[in-house]
Protein backbone atom coordinates (compact mmCIF):
# COMPACT_ATOMS: atom_id res chain seq x y z
CA MET A 1 14.85 127.62 137.97
CA THR A 2 12.45 124.72 138.59
CA LEU A 3 9.94 123.78 135.88
CA ASN A 4 6.37 123.22 136.95
CA PRO A 5 5.31 119.54 136.70
CA ASN A 6 3.42 120.10 133.46
CA MET A 7 6.36 121.76 131.71
CA ALA A 8 8.72 119.09 133.04
CA ILE A 9 6.62 116.31 131.50
CA ILE A 10 6.30 118.18 128.21
CA ALA A 11 10.08 118.54 128.12
CA ARG A 12 10.46 114.79 128.67
CA ILE A 13 7.74 113.86 126.17
CA SER A 14 9.48 115.88 123.48
CA GLU A 15 12.22 113.23 123.67
CA LEU A 16 9.67 110.73 122.39
CA GLN A 17 9.56 112.39 118.97
CA ALA A 18 13.14 111.29 118.32
CA ILE A 19 12.22 107.64 118.94
CA VAL A 20 9.03 107.21 116.93
CA ASN A 21 8.33 107.46 113.21
CA SER A 22 8.34 110.98 111.76
CA SER A 23 4.62 110.61 110.95
CA CYS A 24 3.81 110.13 114.65
CA GLN A 25 2.67 113.49 115.99
CA VAL A 26 3.22 114.62 119.57
CA LEU A 27 0.90 117.50 120.45
CA THR A 28 1.80 119.61 123.49
CA ASP A 29 0.15 122.99 122.90
CA SER A 30 -3.15 122.63 124.75
CA THR A 31 -4.33 126.00 123.40
CA SER A 32 -4.13 124.92 119.75
CA GLU A 33 -7.26 124.00 117.81
CA LYS A 34 -5.74 120.67 116.82
CA PHE A 35 -4.97 119.69 120.41
CA ARG A 36 -8.45 120.70 121.58
CA GLY A 37 -10.01 118.71 118.75
CA TYR A 38 -8.23 115.51 119.71
CA ALA A 39 -8.94 116.12 123.40
CA LYS A 40 -12.72 115.99 122.88
CA ARG A 41 -14.70 113.15 124.44
CA TRP A 42 -18.28 111.90 124.23
CA SER A 43 -18.80 113.42 127.69
CA ASP A 44 -17.06 116.35 129.35
CA ILE A 45 -17.69 114.89 132.81
CA ASP A 46 -14.30 114.79 134.57
CA ARG A 47 -12.52 115.47 131.27
CA GLN A 48 -8.97 116.63 131.94
CA THR A 49 -6.20 118.24 129.91
CA PRO A 50 -3.15 116.02 129.39
CA ALA A 51 0.41 117.21 129.05
CA ALA A 52 0.47 115.78 125.53
CA ILE A 53 -1.45 113.77 122.96
CA VAL A 54 0.55 111.22 120.98
CA LEU A 55 -0.83 110.16 117.58
CA PRO A 56 0.92 106.99 116.41
CA THR A 57 0.48 105.85 112.81
CA THR A 58 2.04 102.38 113.12
CA GLU A 59 2.06 99.54 115.59
CA ASP A 60 5.78 100.13 116.08
CA ASP A 61 5.01 103.72 117.15
CA ILE A 62 2.61 102.36 119.76
CA ILE A 63 5.14 99.86 121.12
CA LYS A 64 7.92 102.44 121.36
CA THR A 65 5.61 104.96 123.03
CA VAL A 66 4.53 102.45 125.68
CA GLN A 67 8.12 101.33 126.25
CA TRP A 68 9.24 104.93 126.65
CA ALA A 69 6.42 105.70 129.09
CA VAL A 70 7.24 102.64 131.18
CA GLN A 71 10.95 103.46 131.23
CA GLU A 72 10.32 107.10 132.16
CA SER A 73 7.47 106.29 134.60
CA VAL A 74 5.09 108.64 132.80
CA PRO A 75 1.41 107.62 133.12
CA PHE A 76 -0.80 107.46 130.04
CA VAL A 77 -4.26 106.38 128.89
CA THR A 78 -5.40 105.16 125.48
CA ARG A 79 -8.14 106.67 123.34
CA SER A 80 -10.01 104.92 120.54
CA GLY A 81 -13.56 106.16 119.84
CA GLY A 82 -13.48 108.61 122.76
CA HIS A 83 -16.63 107.39 124.49
CA SER A 84 -15.03 106.16 127.70
CA GLU A 85 -14.96 108.50 130.68
CA TRP A 86 -11.62 106.92 131.59
CA SER A 87 -9.80 107.82 128.38
CA THR A 88 -8.63 111.08 129.91
CA ILE A 89 -5.73 112.12 132.13
CA ASP A 90 -4.41 115.34 133.61
CA SER A 91 -1.13 117.16 133.00
CA ARG A 92 0.83 114.54 134.90
CA GLY A 93 0.47 112.18 131.92
CA PHE A 94 -0.44 111.88 128.26
CA ILE A 95 -2.91 110.23 125.89
CA ILE A 96 -2.03 107.67 123.22
CA ASP A 97 -4.68 108.54 120.66
CA LEU A 98 -5.14 105.81 118.04
CA SER A 99 -7.13 107.98 115.60
CA LEU A 100 -4.43 107.76 112.92
CA TYR A 101 -3.91 104.01 113.37
CA SER A 102 -7.06 102.35 112.12
CA GLY A 103 -8.20 99.63 109.73
CA VAL A 104 -10.49 96.69 109.03
CA GLU A 105 -10.09 93.69 106.74
CA ALA A 106 -12.92 91.22 106.18
CA ASN A 107 -12.07 87.64 105.23
CA LYS A 108 -15.12 85.99 103.66
CA ASP A 109 -13.52 82.55 103.40
CA ALA A 110 -12.33 82.46 107.02
CA GLN A 111 -15.44 84.32 108.21
CA THR A 112 -13.38 86.73 110.29
CA ALA A 113 -12.57 90.41 110.48
CA THR A 114 -9.22 91.89 111.48
CA LEU A 115 -9.61 95.18 113.35
CA LYS A 116 -6.79 97.64 113.94
CA GLY A 117 -6.42 100.50 116.38
CA SER A 118 -9.25 103.00 116.57
CA ILE A 119 -11.51 101.52 113.88
CA LEU A 120 -15.12 102.47 114.62
CA ALA A 121 -18.22 100.26 114.54
CA LYS A 122 -19.71 101.66 111.31
CA PRO A 123 -16.79 100.93 108.95
CA VAL A 124 -16.53 97.43 110.46
CA ALA A 125 -20.22 96.80 109.74
CA VAL A 126 -19.88 98.12 106.18
CA ALA A 127 -16.72 96.11 105.40
CA LEU A 128 -18.34 92.93 106.67
CA ALA A 129 -21.60 93.53 104.78
CA ASP A 130 -19.64 94.10 101.57
CA ALA A 131 -18.15 90.64 102.13
CA GLY A 132 -21.56 89.10 102.85
CA LEU A 133 -20.90 88.95 106.60
CA PHE A 134 -21.94 90.49 109.91
CA THR A 135 -20.96 90.24 113.56
CA ALA A 136 -22.01 91.53 116.98
CA LEU A 137 -21.65 95.32 117.13
CA GLY A 138 -23.00 98.00 119.43
CA ASN A 139 -25.74 100.57 118.95
CA GLY A 140 -23.51 103.50 117.97
CA ASN A 141 -21.66 104.04 114.70
CA THR A 142 -18.93 106.14 116.33
CA VAL A 143 -18.06 103.71 119.13
CA GLY A 144 -14.57 102.22 118.98
CA ALA A 145 -14.96 98.63 117.80
CA ILE A 146 -12.04 97.08 119.69
CA PRO A 147 -13.05 98.47 123.11
CA TYR A 148 -16.60 97.28 122.41
CA PHE A 149 -15.43 93.69 121.91
CA LEU A 150 -13.06 93.80 124.87
CA GLY A 151 -15.74 95.00 127.28
CA GLY A 152 -18.35 92.31 126.59
CA GLY A 153 -20.43 93.84 123.85
CA ALA A 154 -24.23 93.65 123.93
CA SER A 155 -25.97 93.89 120.56
CA ILE A 156 -29.26 93.18 118.82
CA VAL A 157 -27.83 89.95 117.37
CA ASN A 158 -26.53 88.42 120.61
CA SER A 159 -28.98 85.54 120.32
CA ILE A 160 -27.37 84.64 116.98
CA THR A 161 -23.71 85.42 117.65
CA GLY A 162 -23.20 85.62 121.39
CA TYR A 163 -21.71 88.69 123.05
CA GLY A 164 -19.06 90.80 121.37
CA SER A 165 -16.24 89.35 123.48
CA ASP A 166 -17.31 85.84 122.45
CA GLN A 167 -16.21 86.74 118.91
CA ILE A 168 -12.56 87.35 119.80
CA VAL A 169 -10.30 84.82 118.06
CA SER A 170 -6.92 86.42 118.67
CA ALA A 171 -5.26 89.70 119.55
CA ARG A 172 -2.03 91.64 119.47
CA VAL A 173 -1.44 93.20 122.88
CA VAL A 174 1.25 95.57 124.13
CA ALA A 175 1.79 94.46 127.71
CA ALA A 176 2.66 96.68 130.66
CA ASN A 177 6.38 96.11 130.09
CA GLY A 178 6.08 97.24 126.47
CA GLU A 179 6.35 93.74 124.99
CA LEU A 180 4.13 92.91 122.01
CA LEU A 181 2.24 89.65 122.58
CA ASP A 182 0.43 87.51 120.03
CA VAL A 183 -2.55 86.25 122.01
CA ASN A 184 -4.53 83.22 120.91
CA GLN A 185 -5.60 79.79 122.14
CA GLN A 186 -2.07 78.42 121.76
CA SER A 187 -0.08 81.46 122.85
CA HIS A 188 -0.99 83.19 126.14
CA PRO A 189 -4.39 81.44 126.49
CA ASP A 190 -4.81 82.91 129.98
CA LEU A 191 -4.61 86.41 128.52
CA LEU A 192 -7.10 85.42 125.82
CA TRP A 193 -9.47 84.32 128.60
CA ALA A 194 -9.06 87.73 130.27
CA ILE A 195 -9.49 89.98 127.25
CA ARG A 196 -12.75 88.23 126.36
CA GLY A 197 -14.83 90.51 128.57
CA ALA A 198 -12.28 92.36 130.71
CA GLY A 199 -9.78 93.29 128.04
CA GLN A 200 -9.30 96.95 128.92
CA PHE A 201 -7.18 96.08 131.95
CA PHE A 202 -4.42 93.84 130.57
CA GLY A 203 -2.57 95.90 128.00
CA LEU A 204 -2.99 98.07 124.93
CA VAL A 205 -4.72 96.04 122.22
CA THR A 206 -3.50 97.08 118.78
CA GLN A 207 -5.36 94.42 116.80
CA LEU A 208 -8.22 91.95 117.14
CA VAL A 209 -9.39 89.13 114.93
CA VAL A 210 -13.10 88.47 115.47
CA LYS A 211 -15.58 85.93 114.15
CA ALA A 212 -18.12 86.91 111.52
CA TYR A 213 -21.22 85.21 110.15
CA PRO A 214 -22.94 84.90 106.76
CA LEU A 215 -25.72 87.44 106.30
CA THR A 216 -28.14 84.56 105.75
CA GLU A 217 -27.90 83.75 109.48
CA LEU A 218 -30.04 86.85 110.06
CA GLY A 219 -32.93 84.68 108.88
CA ASN A 220 -33.36 86.08 105.37
CA ASP A 221 -31.43 86.25 102.12
CA ARG A 222 -31.12 90.05 102.02
CA GLY A 223 -28.92 90.77 105.02
CA VAL A 224 -31.60 92.87 106.71
CA ILE A 225 -33.40 93.09 110.00
CA TRP A 226 -36.75 94.69 110.72
CA ALA A 227 -36.48 97.97 112.63
CA GLY A 228 -39.42 100.00 113.85
CA SER A 229 -40.66 102.43 116.48
CA PHE A 230 -43.81 102.82 118.55
CA VAL A 231 -44.70 105.99 120.47
CA PHE A 232 -47.22 106.21 123.32
CA PRO A 233 -48.15 109.01 125.71
CA GLN A 234 -46.54 108.41 129.08
CA ALA A 235 -50.00 108.26 130.70
CA ARG A 236 -50.42 104.81 129.09
CA ALA A 237 -47.24 103.47 130.66
CA LYS A 238 -48.92 100.71 132.68
CA GLU A 239 -50.82 99.09 129.80
CA VAL A 240 -47.80 99.40 127.52
CA ALA A 241 -45.49 97.87 130.14
CA LEU A 242 -47.85 94.93 130.67
CA VAL A 243 -47.91 94.19 126.94
CA MET A 244 -44.14 94.59 126.72
CA LYS A 245 -43.67 92.16 129.61
CA SER A 246 -45.51 89.47 127.66
CA LEU A 247 -43.70 90.31 124.45
CA MET A 248 -40.26 90.26 126.08
CA ASP A 249 -40.86 86.84 127.60
CA ASN A 250 -42.07 85.28 124.33
CA SER A 251 -38.97 83.60 122.91
CA SER A 252 -40.87 82.18 119.92
CA TYR A 253 -40.20 85.52 118.19
CA ALA A 254 -36.71 87.04 118.02
CA THR A 255 -37.59 90.53 119.25
CA ALA A 256 -35.13 92.95 120.80
CA GLY A 257 -34.86 96.66 121.39
CA LEU A 258 -35.31 99.54 123.81
CA ILE A 259 -38.28 100.89 125.72
CA MET A 260 -37.55 104.50 126.65
CA THR A 261 -39.18 107.28 128.59
CA LEU A 262 -38.28 110.60 126.99
CA ALA A 263 -39.52 114.13 126.43
CA PRO A 264 -38.30 114.77 122.88
CA PRO A 265 -38.26 118.20 121.25
CA PRO A 266 -39.94 120.33 120.10
CA HIS A 267 -43.01 119.80 122.30
CA ARG A 268 -41.24 118.08 125.22
CA ASN A 269 -44.25 115.94 126.10
CA PRO A 270 -43.18 112.91 128.19
CA CYS A 271 -43.75 109.73 126.21
CA LEU A 272 -42.73 106.12 125.85
CA VAL A 273 -40.72 105.30 122.75
CA ILE A 274 -40.11 101.68 121.82
CA ALA A 275 -37.25 101.16 119.39
CA ALA A 276 -38.02 97.66 118.19
CA ARG A 277 -35.96 95.15 116.23
CA TYR A 278 -36.77 91.77 114.75
CA ASN A 279 -34.27 89.17 113.56
CA GLY A 280 -35.57 86.72 110.99
CA ASN A 281 -38.06 87.07 108.17
CA PRO A 282 -39.09 90.76 108.25
CA ALA A 283 -42.62 89.73 107.24
CA ASP A 284 -43.01 88.09 110.66
CA ALA A 285 -42.32 91.32 112.53
CA GLU A 286 -45.89 92.59 112.36
CA VAL A 287 -47.09 89.32 113.88
CA ALA A 288 -44.47 89.48 116.63
CA TYR A 289 -45.38 93.09 117.49
CA LYS A 290 -49.14 92.74 116.96
CA PRO A 291 -49.80 93.31 120.71
CA LEU A 292 -48.23 96.78 120.35
CA TYR A 293 -50.06 97.60 117.14
CA ASP A 294 -53.32 96.62 118.86
CA LEU A 295 -52.73 99.34 121.48
CA LYS A 296 -53.10 101.99 118.76
CA PRO A 297 -49.90 103.96 119.40
CA LEU A 298 -49.46 107.58 118.37
CA VAL A 299 -46.76 106.43 115.96
CA ALA A 300 -46.15 102.94 114.59
CA LYS A 301 -43.70 102.45 111.77
CA GLY A 302 -41.12 99.92 110.67
CA GLY A 303 -39.43 98.23 107.77
CA GLU A 304 -36.39 96.41 106.47
CA VAL A 305 -32.97 97.89 107.26
CA PRO A 306 -29.60 96.51 106.07
CA ILE A 307 -27.72 95.27 109.13
CA GLN A 308 -24.85 97.71 108.50
CA ASN A 309 -27.28 100.67 108.65
CA VAL A 310 -29.13 99.77 111.85
CA SER A 311 -27.47 102.50 113.93
CA ASP A 312 -27.71 105.26 111.31
CA GLY A 313 -29.52 108.42 112.38
CA ARG A 314 -28.11 108.45 115.90
CA GLU A 315 -25.34 110.95 115.28
CA ALA A 316 -26.75 113.38 117.84
CA ILE A 317 -26.55 110.73 120.56
CA GLY A 318 -22.96 109.94 119.64
CA GLY A 319 -21.85 113.57 119.40
CA LYS A 320 -18.92 114.67 121.52
CA GLY A 321 -19.08 117.22 124.30
CA GLY A 322 -21.65 118.13 126.93
CA TYR A 323 -22.18 116.73 130.39
CA LYS A 324 -23.80 113.35 129.88
CA ARG A 325 -23.43 109.88 131.29
CA PHE A 326 -24.69 106.51 130.16
CA GLY A 327 -25.17 104.14 133.08
CA ILE A 328 -26.20 100.52 132.60
CA VAL A 329 -26.86 97.46 134.74
CA GLY A 330 -27.87 93.94 133.77
CA LEU A 331 -31.13 92.42 135.03
CA ARG A 332 -32.73 88.98 134.86
CA GLN A 333 -36.32 90.12 134.45
CA PHE A 334 -38.58 93.00 133.48
CA ASP A 335 -40.54 94.07 136.55
CA VAL A 336 -43.56 96.14 135.52
CA GLY A 337 -44.00 97.71 138.94
CA ALA A 338 -40.34 98.70 139.20
CA PHE A 339 -40.44 100.13 135.68
CA LEU A 340 -43.44 102.33 136.56
CA GLU A 341 -41.74 103.49 139.75
CA THR A 342 -38.68 104.45 137.71
CA ILE A 343 -40.86 106.60 135.48
CA LYS A 344 -42.20 108.36 138.60
CA VAL A 345 -38.64 109.04 139.76
CA TRP A 346 -37.74 110.41 136.32
CA ASN A 347 -40.78 112.70 136.35
CA SER A 348 -39.82 113.96 139.82
CA LEU A 349 -36.31 114.64 138.56
CA ILE A 350 -37.69 116.71 135.68
CA ALA A 351 -39.92 118.67 138.05
CA GLU A 352 -37.06 119.46 140.42
CA CYS A 353 -34.36 119.96 137.79
CA PRO A 354 -35.84 121.28 134.51
CA ASP A 355 -32.50 120.81 132.74
CA ALA A 356 -32.97 117.06 133.20
CA ILE A 357 -35.56 117.19 130.40
CA ASP A 358 -32.71 116.11 128.12
CA THR A 359 -32.22 112.86 130.03
CA GLY A 360 -34.02 109.61 129.45
CA PHE A 361 -34.53 106.19 130.98
CA TYR A 362 -33.79 103.21 128.78
CA PHE A 363 -34.65 99.55 129.23
CA GLN A 364 -33.13 97.12 126.74
CA TRP A 365 -34.47 93.63 126.13
CA ASP A 366 -33.86 90.56 124.03
CA SER A 367 -36.53 87.86 123.97
CA ARG A 368 -33.82 85.24 123.62
CA PHE A 369 -30.66 84.62 125.62
CA ALA A 370 -27.30 85.33 124.05
CA LYS A 371 -25.76 82.36 122.28
CA ALA A 372 -23.36 80.69 124.71
CA PRO A 373 -19.80 80.06 123.49
CA ASP A 374 -18.09 76.68 123.74
CA PHE A 375 -15.28 78.14 125.87
CA ASP A 376 -14.88 79.88 129.22
CA SER A 377 -13.95 83.56 129.50
CA ALA A 378 -13.94 86.58 131.81
CA LEU A 379 -17.48 87.44 130.64
CA SER A 380 -20.23 86.36 133.04
CA LEU A 381 -23.33 87.81 131.37
CA HIS A 382 -24.73 84.98 129.31
CA ASP A 383 -27.76 84.60 131.58
CA ILE A 384 -28.61 88.31 131.18
CA ARG A 385 -31.05 89.48 128.50
CA PHE A 386 -32.29 92.71 130.10
CA TRP A 387 -30.37 95.96 130.65
CA GLN A 388 -31.29 99.30 132.14
C-alpha cells in the first residue's frame, strides 16, 4: 500500500519529535482546533494547509528542526507574527512556528535591545520605554519585530533613527545547511550587509540585537509624540491635497503620517482621513498643522501619546483572517494630480464592486528623509520619504 504524499510527510515528520526537546510540539492533525489556530494568517489569500506545524521552544529545537528538514529534503517556511503572505506552505512541507520562542531584553547602558524569535512590536516598544528607550518600529502592534527589521522597516521615527534595518547590530542565523552563525561586523560581515534590508532570504534568524535611543531624542522629556487625526469629506480632496503637498515638503517641522481615502462604518460616506504625527515638542504640532486646521475639517483632534502606545487601537486592522492585501511602493514625491486620479479609480472600484467598500487607499509621508547610516547595506530606500 502506497501512502499519499501528505501522509508520507507526516510519517517522516513524526521522526522529528524524537530529536527535539519534549516541549517542542509537532502538530499534524489539520482538523484540530489547535492546528487551525496556529495556521491562521493576517490574510487568507493563498493560505495553504501544511503537513505539520512545528512549535520549537528553544534555539536548539530550531537548529535541529532545520537540520532535519535539510537532511530529509522536506521544504518548510517560518512564521513569526503571521502577517506575511509567504509564511504558508501546502501539504508537501511544514511550518516552523516561532510563537513559543519569544523574548526581548532592553539594555539601557548599551542602548540596545535583544529580540528573540516571534517577539511582536508592542512588547518590544514597552520593554524599551520601561528602560527609557525607543527604536524604529512599524505601525502595527501584532507585527513580528524581527521580520520588520530584516525587511527594511519604515516608521514614524525614521528621520531620527533611520530605517529599521539600519538598527541591526548583530544576529544569530540558522543557515541553509543548518549551521548556527553569529553574524556581526567581525564575523560574517557580508551576511550582516545582506540581512540589513533583505534578511528574509539568507537563513532563519533566531535573534537580533538592535540599536535603541534615549526617549529624549523624541524632542521632549516625556517620551511622547503628538498624534492626531483630521477628517474631510472626499469632495474637498483637491484643496486638502494641495495643502498636504505644502505641508509634506516643509522639512522645518517633523511631520509624518498617512492620508487615506476611506468609507468608514456606519455611514460609509467616502472621506479623507489624515492620521498625523509630530516628533518634537508636542506644543509645536498645532503650528505645524495649522494649514489643516484652517481648512475647518469635520474632525480635528490630537494630543500627546507615549511612543510605546502609538499603534494602540488598530487591533481590527491587525486581526487575522479575511481576504485582504497590503500593497506598498516607494515614491520620491507627492503628485496632487496623481493622488486625485487614484481617488477616482477607487471610487470606480467601489461602484463596480460594492464589496470593495472595505478597502482604502493610503499615502504615507515624512517631511524629513530617514537618517542615513554610516555603513552600506542591502537597503536602498534612504532617498524615499513617500509610500503608497
